[in-house]
Amino acid sequence: MKIKELRKNRPCLYETALCLAIAKARQDEFRWERFIDNLSQICDTFAHQIASEDTTPSQRTRQH
């Protein structure tokens, strides 16, 4: 399966992180500092989860 096909079949983790960070930053009044902190925390969480599973997202997709 080509990379472009994989991207069509699953959401981009970075795009998901952006949406989550924006939503969290807007809970009060949107501030860039909160957005950047939120985005950093979310990306770190995604990276830690992927590393702990010892596979990349594309490898997980092929396994299913």
N, C-alpha and C. Protein backbone atom coordinates (compact mmCIF):
# COMPACT_ATOMS: atom_id res chain seq x y z
N MET A 1 0.84 -1.18 0.00
CA MET A 1 0.00 0.00 0.00
C MET A 1 0.89 1.24 0.00
N LYS A 2 0.57 2.18 -0.86
CA LYS A 2 1.37 3.40 -0.97
C LYS A 2 1.04 4.37 0.16
N ILE A 3 1.98 5.27 0.42
CA ILE A 3 1.81 6.24 1.50
C ILE A 3 0.57 7.10 1.28
N LYS A 4 0.32 7.53 0.04
CA LYS A 4 -0.85 8.36 -0.23
C LYS A 4 -2.14 7.62 0.10
N GLU A 5 -2.18 6.32 -0.19
CA GLU A 5 -3.36 5.52 0.12
C GLU A 5 -3.54 5.42 1.63
N LEU A 6 -2.45 5.27 2.36
CA LEU A 6 -2.54 5.19 3.82
C LEU A 6 -3.09 6.49 4.40
N ARG A 7 -2.65 7.61 3.86
CA ARG A 7 -3.12 8.90 4.37
C ARG A 7 -4.61 9.09 4.13
N LYS A 8 -5.12 8.55 3.04
CA LYS A 8 -6.55 8.66 2.76
C LYS A 8 -7.37 7.79 3.71
N ASN A 9 -6.81 6.68 4.15
CA ASN A 9 -7.55 5.72 4.95
C ASN A 9 -7.50 5.98 6.45
N ARG A 10 -6.71 6.90 6.92
CA ARG A 10 -6.65 7.19 8.35
C ARG A 10 -6.41 8.68 8.54
N PRO A 11 -6.90 9.23 9.64
CA PRO A 11 -6.69 10.66 9.88
C PRO A 11 -5.22 10.95 10.19
N CYS A 12 -4.78 12.10 9.79
CA CYS A 12 -3.42 12.54 10.08
C CYS A 12 -3.33 12.90 11.56
N LEU A 13 -2.39 12.32 12.27
CA LEU A 13 -2.26 12.59 13.69
C LEU A 13 -1.93 14.05 13.97
N TYR A 14 -1.14 14.67 13.11
CA TYR A 14 -0.80 16.07 13.34
C TYR A 14 -2.03 16.96 13.18
N GLU A 15 -2.85 16.68 12.16
CA GLU A 15 -4.08 17.46 11.97
C GLU A 15 -5.01 17.27 13.16
N THR A 16 -5.09 16.04 13.66
CA THR A 16 -5.91 15.76 14.83
C THR A 16 -5.39 16.54 16.03
N ALA A 17 -4.07 16.55 16.20
CA ALA A 17 -3.46 17.29 17.31
C ALA A 17 -3.76 18.78 17.20
N LEU A 18 -3.71 19.32 15.98
CA LEU A 18 -4.03 20.74 15.80
C LEU A 18 -5.46 21.05 16.23
N CYS A 19 -6.40 20.21 15.82
CA CYS A 19 -7.80 20.42 16.18
C CYS A 19 -8.00 20.35 17.69
N LEU A 20 -7.38 19.37 18.32
CA LEU A 20 -7.51 19.23 19.77
C LEU A 20 -6.89 20.42 20.51
N ALA A 21 -5.73 20.86 20.04
CA ALA A 21 -5.05 21.99 20.68
C ALA A 21 -5.86 23.27 20.55
N ILE A 22 -6.46 23.48 19.39
CA ILE A 22 -7.31 24.66 19.20
C ILE A 22 -8.51 24.61 20.14
N ALA A 23 -9.14 23.45 20.21
CA ALA A 23 -10.32 23.31 21.07
C ALA A 23 -9.98 23.57 22.54
N LYS A 24 -8.85 23.03 22.99
CA LYS A 24 -8.45 23.25 24.38
C LYS A 24 -8.10 24.71 24.63
N ALA A 25 -7.46 25.36 23.67
CA ALA A 25 -7.07 26.76 23.83
C ALA A 25 -8.29 27.68 23.85
N ARG A 26 -9.37 27.26 23.21
CA ARG A 26 -10.59 28.07 23.14
C ARG A 26 -11.50 27.87 24.34
N GLN A 27 -11.19 26.96 25.23
CA GLN A 27 -12.06 26.72 26.37
C GLN A 27 -12.26 27.98 27.20
N ASP A 28 -11.24 28.74 27.35
CA ASP A 28 -11.37 30.03 28.04
C ASP A 28 -11.36 31.10 26.94
N GLU A 29 -10.31 31.84 26.88
CA GLU A 29 -10.12 32.79 25.80
C GLU A 29 -8.88 32.34 25.04
N PHE A 30 -8.99 32.27 23.72
CA PHE A 30 -7.87 31.75 22.92
C PHE A 30 -6.61 32.57 23.16
N ARG A 31 -5.56 31.86 23.53
CA ARG A 31 -4.24 32.47 23.69
C ARG A 31 -3.24 31.58 22.98
N TRP A 32 -2.31 32.21 22.25
CA TRP A 32 -1.31 31.45 21.50
C TRP A 32 -0.44 30.60 22.41
N GLU A 33 -0.14 31.12 23.60
CA GLU A 33 0.71 30.37 24.52
C GLU A 33 0.04 29.04 24.90
N ARG A 34 -1.25 29.10 25.19
CA ARG A 34 -1.99 27.88 25.54
C ARG A 34 -2.04 26.92 24.36
N PHE A 35 -2.27 27.46 23.16
CA PHE A 35 -2.33 26.64 21.96
C PHE A 35 -1.02 25.89 21.76
N ILE A 36 0.09 26.60 21.85
CA ILE A 36 1.40 25.98 21.63
C ILE A 36 1.69 24.93 22.69
N ASP A 37 1.39 25.23 23.94
CA ASP A 37 1.59 24.25 25.02
C ASP A 37 0.72 23.02 24.80
N ASN A 38 -0.53 23.24 24.43
CA ASN A 38 -1.44 22.12 24.19
C ASN A 38 -0.96 21.26 23.04
N LEU A 39 -0.57 21.90 21.95
CA LEU A 39 -0.10 21.16 20.79
C LEU A 39 1.13 20.33 21.13
N SER A 40 2.04 20.90 21.89
CA SER A 40 3.24 20.18 22.30
C SER A 40 2.89 18.95 23.15
N GLN A 41 1.99 19.14 24.11
CA GLN A 41 1.60 18.02 24.97
C GLN A 41 0.90 16.92 24.18
N ILE A 42 0.02 17.30 23.26
CA ILE A 42 -0.71 16.31 22.48
C ILE A 42 0.24 15.55 21.56
N CYS A 43 1.14 16.24 20.89
CA CYS A 43 2.11 15.57 20.01
C CYS A 43 3.02 14.64 20.81
N ASP A 44 3.44 15.08 21.98
CA ASP A 44 4.25 14.21 22.84
C ASP A 44 3.49 12.95 23.24
N THR A 45 2.21 13.11 23.55
CA THR A 45 1.39 11.95 23.92
C THR A 45 1.26 10.99 22.76
N PHE A 46 0.99 11.51 21.56
CA PHE A 46 0.90 10.65 20.38
C PHE A 46 2.22 9.92 20.14
N ALA A 47 3.32 10.66 20.22
CA ALA A 47 4.63 10.06 19.97
C ALA A 47 4.95 8.98 21.00
N HIS A 48 4.63 9.24 22.24
CA HIS A 48 4.88 8.25 23.30
C HIS A 48 4.04 7.00 23.06
N GLN A 49 2.78 7.18 22.68
CA GLN A 49 1.90 6.05 22.43
C GLN A 49 2.42 5.20 21.27
N ILE A 50 2.83 5.85 20.20
CA ILE A 50 3.36 5.13 19.03
C ILE A 50 4.63 4.39 19.41
N ALA A 51 5.52 5.05 20.15
CA ALA A 51 6.77 4.42 20.56
C ALA A 51 6.52 3.24 21.49
N SER A 52 5.54 3.37 22.37
CA SER A 52 5.26 2.28 23.31
C SER A 52 4.66 1.06 22.61
N GLU A 53 3.98 1.31 21.50
CA GLU A 53 3.45 0.19 20.72
C GLU A 53 4.51 -0.41 19.81
N ASP A 54 5.64 0.28 19.70
CA ASP A 54 6.79 -0.19 18.94
C ASP A 54 6.49 -0.37 17.47
N THR A 55 5.53 0.39 16.95
CA THR A 55 5.22 0.37 15.53
C THR A 55 4.85 1.76 15.08
N THR A 56 5.00 2.01 13.80
CA THR A 56 4.57 3.28 13.23
C THR A 56 3.10 3.14 12.85
N PRO A 57 2.40 4.26 12.67
CA PRO A 57 1.00 4.16 12.27
C PRO A 57 0.80 3.36 10.99
N SER A 58 1.71 3.48 10.02
CA SER A 58 1.56 2.73 8.77
C SER A 58 1.73 1.24 9.00
N GLN A 59 2.61 0.85 9.91
CA GLN A 59 2.78 -0.57 10.22
C GLN A 59 1.54 -1.13 10.90
N ARG A 60 0.91 -0.34 11.78
CA ARG A 60 -0.32 -0.80 12.44
C ARG A 60 -1.43 -0.98 11.44
N THR A 61 -1.50 -0.07 10.45
CA THR A 61 -2.55 -0.16 9.43
C THR A 61 -2.38 -1.44 8.63
N ARG A 62 -1.17 -1.81 8.28
CA ARG A 62 -0.93 -3.03 7.50
C ARG A 62 -1.23 -4.28 8.29
N GLN A 63 -1.09 -4.20 9.63
CA GLN A 63 -1.32 -5.39 10.44
C GLN A 63 -2.78 -5.74 10.54
N HIS A 64 -3.69 -4.76 10.35
CA HIS A 64 -5.12 -4.99 10.52
C HIS A 64 -5.77 -5.40 9.25
